[in-house]
């Protein structure tokens, strides 16, 4: 299975969002995870 660079970038944003929430011990990663594709398109 080959993923495109767009999918890999969105997956990386999701992983970073989860990491930030875990490090802060507060919040919910649902919003950033759901908006990862949008954020990638917006800033690329």
PDB file of N, CA and C in Angstrom:
ATOM      1  N   UNK A   1       0.837  -1.182   0.000  1.00  0.00           N
ATOM      2  CA  UNK A   1       0.000   0.000   0.000  1.00  0.00           C
ATOM      3  C   UNK A   1       0.881   1.244   0.000  1.00  0.00           C
ATOM      4  N   UNK A   2       0.639   2.117  -0.919  1.00  0.00           N
ATOM      5  CA  UNK A   2       1.439   3.331  -1.031  1.00  0.00           C
ATOM      6  C   UNK A   2       0.582   4.545  -0.672  1.00  0.00           C
ATOM      7  N   UNK A   3       1.069   5.317   0.281  1.00  0.00           N
ATOM      8  CA  UNK A   3       0.352   6.523   0.674  1.00  0.00           C
ATOM      9  C   UNK A   3       0.961   7.733  -0.016  1.00  0.00           C
ATOM     10  N   UNK A   4       0.130   8.681  -0.337  1.00  0.00           N
ATOM     11  CA  UNK A   4       0.618   9.901  -0.960  1.00  0.00           C
ATOM     12  C   UNK A   4       1.212  10.807   0.109  1.00  0.00           C
ATOM     13  N   UNK A   5       1.951  11.799  -0.317  1.00  0.00           N
ATOM     14  CA  UNK A   5       2.563  12.743   0.611  1.00  0.00           C
ATOM     15  C   UNK A   5       1.482  13.516   1.367  1.00  0.00           C
ATOM     16  N   UNK A   6       0.341  13.760   0.735  1.00  0.00           N
ATOM     17  CA  UNK A   6      -0.756  14.462   1.411  1.00  0.00           C
ATOM     18  C   UNK A   6      -1.292  13.649   2.581  1.00  0.00           C
ATOM     19  N   UNK A   7      -1.472  12.355   2.377  1.00  0.00           N
ATOM     20  CA  UNK A   7      -1.974  11.495   3.448  1.00  0.00           C
ATOM     21  C   UNK A   7      -0.953  11.378   4.567  1.00  0.00           C
ATOM     22  N   UNK A   8       0.314  11.254   4.218  1.00  0.00           N
ATOM     23  CA  UNK A   8       1.353  11.159   5.234  1.00  0.00           C
ATOM     24  C   UNK A   8       1.454  12.450   6.048  1.00  0.00           C
ATOM     25  N   UNK A   9       1.291  13.588   5.389  1.00  0.00           N
ATOM     26  CA  UNK A   9       1.341  14.874   6.089  1.00  0.00           C
ATOM     27  C   UNK A   9       0.175  15.002   7.064  1.00  0.00           C
ATOM     28  N   UNK A  10      -1.017  14.624   6.624  1.00  0.00           N
ATOM     29  CA  UNK A  10      -2.191  14.685   7.501  1.00  0.00           C
ATOM     30  C   UNK A  10      -2.034  13.738   8.683  1.00  0.00           C
ATOM     31  N   UNK A  11      -1.499  12.563   8.449  1.00  0.00           N
ATOM     32  CA  UNK A  11      -1.267  11.612   9.540  1.00  0.00           C
ATOM     33  C   UNK A  11      -0.266  12.165  10.547  1.00  0.00           C
ATOM     34  N   UNK A  12       0.737  12.884  10.063  1.00  0.00           N
ATOM     35  CA  UNK A  12       1.733  13.490  10.945  1.00  0.00           C
ATOM     36  C   UNK A  12       1.094  14.581  11.805  1.00  0.00           C
ATOM     37  N   UNK A  13       0.212  15.374  11.227  1.00  0.00           N
ATOM     38  CA  UNK A  13      -0.499  16.407  11.992  1.00  0.00           C
ATOM     39  C   UNK A  13      -1.339  15.749  13.080  1.00  0.00           C
ATOM     40  N   UNK A  14      -2.011  14.658  12.745  1.00  0.00           N
ATOM     41  CA  UNK A  14      -2.819  13.937  13.744  1.00  0.00           C
ATOM     42  C   UNK A  14      -1.947  13.432  14.895  1.00  0.00           C
ATOM     43  N   UNK A  15      -0.810  12.849  14.566  1.00  0.00           N
ATOM     44  CA  UNK A  15       0.085  12.315  15.600  1.00  0.00           C
ATOM     45  C   UNK A  15       0.601  13.429  16.498  1.00  0.00           C
ATOM     46  N   UNK A  16       0.943  14.576  15.916  1.00  0.00           N
ATOM     47  CA  UNK A  16       1.417  15.697  16.717  1.00  0.00           C
ATOM     48  C   UNK A  16       0.317  16.251  17.610  1.00  0.00           C
ATOM     49  N   UNK A  17      -0.919  16.276  17.110  1.00  0.00           N
ATOM     50  CA  UNK A  17      -2.039  16.761  17.919  1.00  0.00           C
ATOM     51  C   UNK A  17      -2.249  15.862  19.138  1.00  0.00           C
ATOM     52  N   UNK A  18      -2.179  14.564  18.940  1.00  0.00           N
ATOM     53  CA  UNK A  18      -2.322  13.625  20.058  1.00  0.00           C
ATOM     54  C   UNK A  18      -1.183  13.822  21.054  1.00  0.00           C
ATOM     55  N   UNK A  19       0.019  13.993  20.551  1.00  0.00           N
ATOM     56  CA  UNK A  19       1.181  14.183  21.413  1.00  0.00           C
ATOM     57  C   UNK A  19       1.055  15.441  22.260  1.00  0.00           C
ATOM     58  N   UNK A  20       0.592  16.528  21.664  1.00  0.00           N
ATOM     59  CA  UNK A  20       0.451  17.784  22.412  1.00  0.00           C
ATOM     60  C   UNK A  20      -0.591  17.653  23.523  1.00  0.00           C
ATOM     61  N   UNK A  21      -1.703  16.982  23.240  1.00  0.00           N
ATOM     62  CA  UNK A  21      -2.747  16.799  24.256  1.00  0.00           C
ATOM     63  C   UNK A  21      -2.225  15.925  25.391  1.00  0.00           C
ATOM     64  N   UNK A  22      -1.510  14.857  25.059  1.00  0.00           N
ATOM     65  CA  UNK A  22      -0.966  13.988  26.099  1.00  0.00           C
ATOM     66  C   UNK A  22       0.076  14.706  26.949  1.00  0.00           C
ATOM     67  N   UNK A  23       0.910  15.520  26.328  1.00  0.00           N
ATOM     68  CA  UNK A  23       1.937  16.233  27.076  1.00  0.00           C
ATOM     69  C   UNK A  23       1.316  17.275  28.004  1.00  0.00           C
ATOM     70  N   UNK A  24       0.245  17.919  27.570  1.00  0.00           N
ATOM     71  CA  UNK A  24      -0.408  18.940  28.387  1.00  0.00           C
ATOM     72  C   UNK A  24      -1.278  18.326  29.481  1.00  0.00           C
ATOM     73  N   UNK A  25      -1.587  17.029  29.371  1.00  0.00           N
ATOM     74  CA  UNK A  25      -2.481  16.357  30.315  1.00  0.00           C
ATOM     75  C   UNK A  25      -3.833  17.050  30.390  1.00  0.00           C
ATOM     76  N   UNK A  26      -4.264  17.613  29.277  1.00  0.00           N
ATOM     77  CA  UNK A  26      -5.525  18.342  29.254  1.00  0.00           C
ATOM     78  C   UNK A  26      -6.030  18.428  27.825  1.00  0.00           C
ATOM     79  N   UNK A  27      -7.345  18.489  27.669  1.00  0.00           N
ATOM     80  CA  UNK A  27      -7.921  18.689  26.353  1.00  0.00           C
ATOM     81  C   UNK A  27      -8.339  17.402  25.678  1.00  0.00           C
ATOM     82  N   UNK A  28      -8.833  17.560  24.469  1.00  0.00           N
ATOM     83  CA  UNK A  28      -9.315  16.429  23.680  1.00  0.00           C
ATOM     84  C   UNK A  28      -8.775  16.583  22.257  1.00  0.00           C
ATOM     85  N   UNK A  29      -8.166  15.548  21.688  1.00  0.00           N
ATOM     86  CA  UNK A  29      -7.549  15.680  20.364  1.00  0.00           C
ATOM     87  C   UNK A  29      -8.527  15.568  19.196  1.00  0.00           C
ATOM     88  N   UNK A  30      -9.829  15.471  19.471  1.00  0.00           N
ATOM     89  CA  UNK A  30     -10.805  15.264  18.397  1.00  0.00           C
ATOM     90  C   UNK A  30     -10.828  16.365  17.352  1.00  0.00           C
ATOM     91  N   UNK A  31     -10.799  17.608  17.789  1.00  0.00           N
ATOM     92  CA  UNK A  31     -10.843  18.726  16.844  1.00  0.00           C
ATOM     93  C   UNK A  31      -9.644  18.763  15.917  1.00  0.00           C
ATOM     94  N   UNK A  32      -8.430  18.766  16.465  1.00  0.00           N
ATOM     95  CA  UNK A  32      -7.257  18.779  15.589  1.00  0.00           C
ATOM     96  C   UNK A  32      -7.139  17.538  14.702  1.00  0.00           C
ATOM     97  N   UNK A  33      -7.566  16.388  15.217  1.00  0.00           N
ATOM     98  CA  UNK A  33      -7.495  15.186  14.397  1.00  0.00           C
ATOM     99  C   UNK A  33      -8.488  15.256  13.244  1.00  0.00           C
ATOM    100  N   UNK A  34      -9.681  15.785  13.520  1.00  0.00           N
ATOM    101  CA  UNK A  34     -10.690  15.909  12.472  1.00  0.00           C
ATOM    102  C   UNK A  34     -10.325  16.953  11.429  1.00  0.00           C
ATOM    103  N   UNK A  35      -9.602  17.988  11.836  1.00  0.00           N
ATOM    104  CA  UNK A  35      -9.247  19.060  10.920  1.00  0.00           C
ATOM    105  C   UNK A  35      -7.880  18.925  10.290  1.00  0.00           C
ATOM    106  N   UNK A  36      -7.231  17.807  10.462  1.00  0.00           N
ATOM    107  CA  UNK A  36      -5.866  17.631   9.949  1.00  0.00           C
ATOM    108  C   UNK A  36      -5.800  17.775   8.429  1.00  0.00           C
ATOM    109  N   UNK A  37      -6.749  17.190   7.726  1.00  0.00           N
ATOM    110  CA  UNK A  37      -6.742  17.297   6.258  1.00  0.00           C
ATOM    111  C   UNK A  37      -6.940  18.746   5.826  1.00  0.00           C
ATOM    112  N   UNK A  38      -7.874  19.425   6.475  1.00  0.00           N
ATOM    113  CA  UNK A  38      -8.144  20.830   6.158  1.00  0.00           C
ATOM    114  C   UNK A  38      -6.914  21.686   6.428  1.00  0.00           C
ATOM    115  N   UNK A  39      -6.259  21.475   7.565  1.00  0.00           N
ATOM    116  CA  UNK A  39      -5.090  22.275   7.913  1.00  0.00           C
ATOM    117  C   UNK A  39      -3.953  22.027   6.918  1.00  0.00           C
ATOM    118  N   UNK A  40      -3.784  20.802   6.494  1.00  0.00           N
ATOM    119  CA  UNK A  40      -2.735  20.503   5.513  1.00  0.00           C
ATOM    120  C   UNK A  40      -3.001  21.239   4.200  1.00  0.00           C
ATOM    121  N   UNK A  41      -4.243  21.195   3.743  1.00  0.00           N
ATOM    122  CA  UNK A  41      -4.588  21.863   2.486  1.00  0.00           C
ATOM    123  C   UNK A  41      -4.464  23.377   2.631  1.00  0.00           C
ATOM    124  N   UNK A  42      -4.896  23.911   3.775  1.00  0.00           N
ATOM    125  CA  UNK A  42      -4.866  25.348   3.990  1.00  0.00           C
ATOM    126  C   UNK A  42      -3.440  25.897   3.986  1.00  0.00           C
ATOM    127  N   UNK A  43      -2.504  25.180   4.608  1.00  0.00           N
ATOM    128  CA  UNK A  43      -1.144  25.695   4.769  1.00  0.00           C
ATOM    129  C   UNK A  43      -0.142  25.134   3.774  1.00  0.00           C
ATOM    130  N   UNK A  44      -0.583  24.360   2.793  1.00  0.00           N
ATOM    131  CA  UNK A  44       0.379  23.838   1.811  1.00  0.00           C
ATOM    132  C   UNK A  44       0.302  24.573   0.496  1.00  0.00           C
TER     133      UNK A  44
END
